[in-house]
Amino acid sequence: MLAARYPGWALITGASSGIGRAMAGHVASAGMPCLVLSNEQGPLDQARDEIASAHGVEVESLCVDLAEPGAVQRIADRLGDRELGLLISNASFGRSGPFESVDIPTYRRMLAVNVDAYVGLVHEFLPAMRARGSGGVVLVSSINSLAPGIGQSVVYTATKAFETSFACGLWQELQGSGVDLLLVIPGPTRTGFQAGAGTKMASWAMDPEAVAAEALPQLGHRLVHVAGDVNQVLAGLVQRIALESRVELASWMLKEALLKGTL
């Protein structure tokens, strides 16, 4: 269905592992050729070869650092005049700990990957989708964004709140355009993210394949998909309490589940 609804190529960021890798496999299984992106050359090439072999579709890879100036242009140049039917913006990273414990260069890089690249990729490829009257955009955020602020994860959570807000506003603008947008809100997921962020694995963490299998069929049918039953309960809960209490609860859960590993 994806290939018929969104003809052309799919572009997936953060596709060497985790949710991005799972989404690339799901898209390829639907018969779409894929351009997969990551800043990890070896794992990316392995993912490319495995996806192509498993699903019999054309898969190309581009190793690119989304924090680098000119990254979006490099991606556009690689795609060339091929039609992009589906954009999946998934690559991001975080750090945990007190705000001042992380240096400014790391925060600037986080903003570049989690904010600038999301905006830049959509800005680059959306005009052609609008002109055709068809296309799909998937933006992967985080359940953190619903808090919308969490202690010990101040800047990462702020970038995810931006992604969620950006997706919601863009979804409204795209009504009637023929371009579908889906905001995916995963909770804890069994990926390499925890090692980089300095967090532990929550007891209710999902497999990335389950996140992808749940989320992608929702494209074209709703604005947002919160992945997993537990995360849906948590998302509903935090939206029903006062902002101060929401921030306190989310900060406590991050500390207990992801820093201490007791939840």
Protein backbone atom coordinates (compact mmCIF):
# COMPACT_ATOMS: atom_id res chain seq x y z
CA MET A 1 0.00 0.00 0.00
CA LEU A 2 2.84 2.42 0.76
CA ALA A 3 4.32 2.01 -2.72
CA ALA A 4 0.97 2.64 -4.39
CA ARG A 5 0.02 5.59 -2.20
CA TYR A 6 3.44 7.25 -2.26
CA PRO A 7 5.10 6.36 -5.57
CA GLY A 8 8.81 6.99 -5.83
CA TRP A 9 11.69 6.56 -3.44
CA ALA A 10 11.67 6.56 0.35
CA LEU A 11 14.33 8.43 2.33
CA ILE A 12 14.97 7.31 5.89
CA THR A 13 17.39 8.99 8.33
CA GLY A 14 19.01 7.13 11.19
CA ALA A 15 18.53 3.92 9.21
CA SER A 16 21.58 1.96 10.34
CA SER A 17 19.86 0.73 13.51
CA GLY A 18 16.86 1.07 15.80
CA ILE A 19 13.58 2.57 14.68
CA GLY A 20 15.03 3.95 11.46
CA ARG A 21 16.38 0.54 10.45
CA ALA A 22 13.05 -1.09 11.26
CA MET A 23 11.10 1.52 9.29
CA ALA A 24 13.42 1.10 6.30
CA GLY A 25 12.76 -2.63 6.34
CA HIS A 26 9.01 -2.09 6.61
CA VAL A 27 9.02 0.36 3.70
CA ALA A 28 11.18 -1.92 1.54
CA SER A 29 8.86 -4.85 2.27
CA ALA A 30 6.09 -2.77 0.69
CA GLY A 31 8.11 -2.56 -2.53
CA MET A 32 9.56 0.95 -2.24
CA PRO A 33 13.17 1.63 -3.23
CA CYS A 34 15.01 3.30 -0.36
CA LEU A 35 17.80 5.78 0.25
CA VAL A 36 18.99 5.03 3.77
CA LEU A 37 21.06 7.52 5.75
CA SER A 38 23.25 7.37 8.83
CA ASN A 39 26.56 8.70 10.12
CA GLU A 40 27.80 5.14 10.76
CA GLN A 41 29.31 3.81 7.52
CA GLY A 42 29.77 0.15 8.46
CA PRO A 43 26.38 -0.48 10.10
CA LEU A 44 24.69 1.54 7.35
CA ASP A 45 26.21 -0.54 4.57
CA GLN A 46 25.22 -3.71 6.41
CA ALA A 47 21.64 -2.46 6.82
CA ARG A 48 21.51 -1.52 3.13
CA ASP A 49 22.65 -4.97 2.00
CA GLU A 50 20.35 -6.83 4.39
CA ILE A 51 17.29 -4.81 3.42
CA ALA A 52 17.96 -5.18 -0.31
CA SER A 53 18.53 -8.93 0.02
CA ALA A 54 15.48 -9.51 2.20
CA HIS A 55 13.01 -7.54 0.09
CA GLY A 56 14.37 -7.50 -3.43
CA VAL A 57 14.19 -3.74 -3.91
CA GLU A 58 16.81 -1.18 -4.78
CA VAL A 59 18.44 0.25 -1.65
CA GLU A 60 21.13 2.93 -1.69
CA SER A 61 23.02 4.32 1.27
CA LEU A 62 24.57 7.67 2.05
CA CYS A 63 26.78 8.17 5.09
CA VAL A 64 26.15 11.74 6.17
CA ASP A 65 26.42 13.70 9.41
CA LEU A 66 23.20 15.67 9.71
CA ALA A 67 24.91 18.16 12.01
CA GLU A 68 27.30 19.25 9.27
CA PRO A 69 26.53 22.33 7.15
CA GLY A 70 25.42 21.30 3.69
CA ALA A 71 24.11 17.89 4.79
CA VAL A 72 20.64 18.47 3.35
CA GLN A 73 22.12 19.57 0.03
CA ARG A 74 24.29 16.44 -0.09
CA ILE A 75 21.18 14.34 0.39
CA ALA A 76 19.27 16.23 -2.30
CA ASP A 77 22.20 15.87 -4.69
CA ARG A 78 22.33 12.12 -4.08
CA LEU A 79 18.62 11.73 -4.72
CA GLY A 80 18.98 13.77 -7.92
CA ASP A 81 15.92 13.91 -10.13
CA ARG A 82 14.37 10.80 -8.63
CA GLU A 83 10.91 11.35 -7.19
CA LEU A 84 10.71 11.18 -3.40
CA GLY A 85 7.43 9.65 -2.31
CA LEU A 86 8.13 9.21 1.39
CA LEU A 87 10.36 11.08 3.84
CA ILE A 88 11.01 9.52 7.25
CA SER A 89 12.95 11.85 9.57
CA ASN A 90 14.06 9.77 12.50
CA ALA A 91 17.71 10.45 13.34
CA SER A 92 18.31 12.11 16.70
CA PHE A 93 20.40 11.77 19.84
CA GLY A 94 20.26 12.88 23.45
CA ARG A 95 22.26 13.28 26.62
CA SER A 96 21.11 12.93 30.22
CA GLY A 97 22.29 14.66 33.36
CA PRO A 98 22.10 18.15 34.87
CA PHE A 99 21.81 20.85 32.23
CA GLU A 100 25.25 22.34 32.82
CA SER A 101 27.00 18.94 32.78
CA VAL A 102 26.87 18.80 28.98
CA ASP A 103 29.04 21.15 26.96
CA ILE A 104 27.70 23.71 24.50
CA PRO A 105 29.22 22.07 21.39
CA THR A 106 27.27 18.91 22.18
CA TYR A 107 24.06 20.89 22.65
CA ARG A 108 24.64 22.72 19.37
CA ARG A 109 25.13 19.40 17.61
CA MET A 110 21.94 18.08 19.22
CA LEU A 111 19.99 21.09 17.97
CA ALA A 112 21.47 20.64 14.49
CA VAL A 113 20.45 16.97 14.26
CA ASN A 114 17.17 17.02 16.20
CA VAL A 115 15.82 20.37 14.99
CA ASP A 116 17.67 21.83 12.01
CA ALA A 117 17.80 18.60 10.02
CA TYR A 118 14.10 17.87 10.60
CA VAL A 119 13.18 21.32 9.32
CA GLY A 120 15.73 21.34 6.52
CA LEU A 121 14.74 17.98 5.05
CA VAL A 122 11.04 18.81 5.01
CA HIS A 123 11.76 22.24 3.54
CA GLU A 124 13.86 20.65 0.79
CA PHE A 125 11.48 17.89 -0.29
CA LEU A 126 7.98 19.13 0.56
CA PRO A 127 7.59 21.56 -2.38
CA ALA A 128 7.81 18.76 -4.98
CA MET A 129 5.31 16.67 -3.01
CA ARG A 130 2.91 19.60 -2.87
CA ALA A 131 3.34 20.23 -6.60
CA ARG A 132 2.49 16.58 -7.38
CA GLY A 133 -0.34 16.49 -4.87
CA SER A 134 1.02 13.34 -3.23
CA GLY A 135 3.64 12.27 -0.74
CA GLY A 136 4.18 11.17 2.82
CA VAL A 137 6.18 12.64 5.69
CA VAL A 138 6.88 10.75 8.92
CA LEU A 139 8.48 12.64 11.82
CA VAL A 140 9.68 10.54 14.75
CA SER A 141 9.61 12.43 18.06
CA SER A 142 9.47 11.07 21.62
CA ILE A 143 7.05 10.66 24.49
CA ASN A 144 9.31 13.16 26.31
CA SER A 145 7.78 15.86 24.12
CA LEU A 146 4.42 15.56 25.87
CA ALA A 147 5.79 16.65 29.25
CA PRO A 148 7.01 19.07 27.63
CA GLY A 149 10.03 19.60 29.93
CA ILE A 150 12.00 16.98 31.87
CA GLY A 151 14.75 17.49 34.40
CA GLN A 152 18.02 15.69 33.60
CA SER A 153 17.00 15.74 29.93
CA VAL A 154 16.45 19.44 29.44
CA VAL A 155 17.74 20.12 25.94
CA TYR A 156 16.93 16.73 24.40
CA THR A 157 13.34 16.98 25.62
CA ALA A 158 13.12 20.55 24.30
CA THR A 159 14.23 19.37 20.85
CA LYS A 160 11.56 16.67 20.90
CA ALA A 161 8.93 19.19 21.98
CA PHE A 162 9.96 21.24 18.95
CA GLU A 163 9.57 18.23 16.65
CA THR A 164 6.09 17.53 18.00
CA SER A 165 5.00 21.15 17.66
CA PHE A 166 6.53 21.39 14.17
CA ALA A 167 4.72 18.25 13.04
CA CYS A 168 1.35 19.40 14.36
CA GLY A 169 1.52 22.79 12.68
CA LEU A 170 2.73 21.31 9.42
CA TRP A 171 -0.03 18.69 9.47
CA GLN A 172 -2.61 21.46 9.64
CA GLU A 173 -1.04 23.30 6.71
CA LEU A 174 -1.03 20.13 4.60
CA GLN A 175 -4.75 19.45 4.90
CA GLY A 176 -6.20 19.04 1.39
CA SER A 177 -2.77 19.05 -0.27
CA GLY A 178 -2.56 15.33 -0.92
CA VAL A 179 0.56 15.12 1.27
CA ASP A 180 0.12 13.00 4.40
CA LEU A 181 2.01 13.59 7.64
CA LEU A 182 2.36 11.31 10.64
CA LEU A 183 3.94 12.19 13.98
CA VAL A 184 5.30 9.08 15.68
CA ILE A 185 5.77 9.25 19.44
CA PRO A 186 7.71 6.26 20.74
CA GLY A 187 8.55 5.69 24.36
CA PRO A 188 11.58 3.73 25.56
CA THR A 189 12.79 1.51 22.71
CA ARG A 190 15.51 -1.16 22.58
CA THR A 191 18.05 0.68 20.43
CA GLY A 192 21.56 2.06 20.76
CA PHE A 193 20.11 5.38 21.93
CA GLN A 194 20.51 4.52 25.62
CA ALA A 195 24.27 4.01 25.37
CA GLY A 196 24.76 7.44 23.85
CA ALA A 197 22.31 9.17 26.16
CA GLY A 198 23.71 7.56 29.31
CA THR A 199 20.41 5.95 30.33
CA LYS A 200 19.19 2.47 31.23
CA MET A 201 16.48 0.41 29.55
CA ALA A 202 12.96 0.86 30.93
CA SER A 203 11.08 -2.32 31.76
CA TRP A 204 8.37 -1.52 29.20
CA ALA A 205 10.78 -0.74 26.34
CA MET A 206 9.56 -1.83 22.91
CA ASP A 207 11.39 -3.49 20.05
CA PRO A 208 11.96 -1.07 17.15
CA GLU A 209 10.27 -3.48 14.74
CA ALA A 210 7.09 -3.26 16.81
CA VAL A 211 7.22 0.55 16.73
CA ALA A 212 7.59 0.58 12.94
CA ALA A 213 4.91 -2.06 12.36
CA GLU A 214 2.43 -0.15 14.53
CA ALA A 215 3.19 3.31 13.25
CA LEU A 216 3.60 3.26 9.47
CA PRO A 217 0.11 1.91 8.67
CA GLN A 218 -1.28 5.01 10.42
CA LEU A 219 0.20 7.37 7.83
CA GLY A 220 -2.66 9.03 5.98
CA HIS A 221 -5.18 8.14 8.68
CA ARG A 222 -4.25 10.28 11.69
CA LEU A 223 -1.90 12.99 12.88
CA VAL A 224 -0.17 11.17 15.72
CA HIS A 225 0.59 7.62 16.76
CA VAL A 226 1.87 6.89 20.27
CA ALA A 227 3.61 3.52 20.09
CA GLY A 228 2.66 0.83 22.59
CA ASP A 229 -0.10 0.34 25.13
CA VAL A 230 1.92 1.51 28.13
CA ASN A 231 3.05 4.66 26.35
CA GLN A 232 -0.50 5.42 25.27
CA VAL A 233 -1.64 5.23 28.89
CA LEU A 234 1.23 7.48 29.99
CA ALA A 235 0.52 9.96 27.19
CA GLY A 236 -3.12 10.16 28.19
CA LEU A 237 -2.21 10.61 31.82
CA VAL A 238 0.26 13.46 31.40
CA GLN A 239 -2.17 15.43 29.24
CA ARG A 240 -4.71 15.42 32.07
CA ILE A 241 -2.62 16.96 34.83
CA ALA A 242 -1.35 20.47 35.49
CA LEU A 243 1.89 21.51 33.81
CA GLU A 244 3.96 21.68 37.01
CA SER A 245 2.80 18.22 38.06
CA ARG A 246 3.38 16.89 34.55
CA VAL A 247 6.99 18.07 34.56
CA GLU A 248 7.58 16.67 38.05
CA LEU A 249 6.06 13.29 37.14
CA ALA A 250 7.98 12.99 33.88
CA SER A 251 11.24 13.97 35.59
CA TRP A 252 10.66 11.40 38.36
CA MET A 253 9.92 8.67 35.79
CA LEU A 254 13.06 9.47 33.82
CA LYS A 255 15.16 9.32 36.98
CA GLU A 256 13.65 6.05 38.22
CA ALA A 257 13.29 4.20 34.91
CA LEU A 258 16.16 5.48 32.81
CA LEU A 259 18.81 6.67 35.26
CA LYS A 260 18.31 4.27 38.17
CA GLY A 261 16.66 1.40 36.27
CA THR A 262 14.08 0.78 39.00
CA LEU A 263 10.93 1.04 36.82
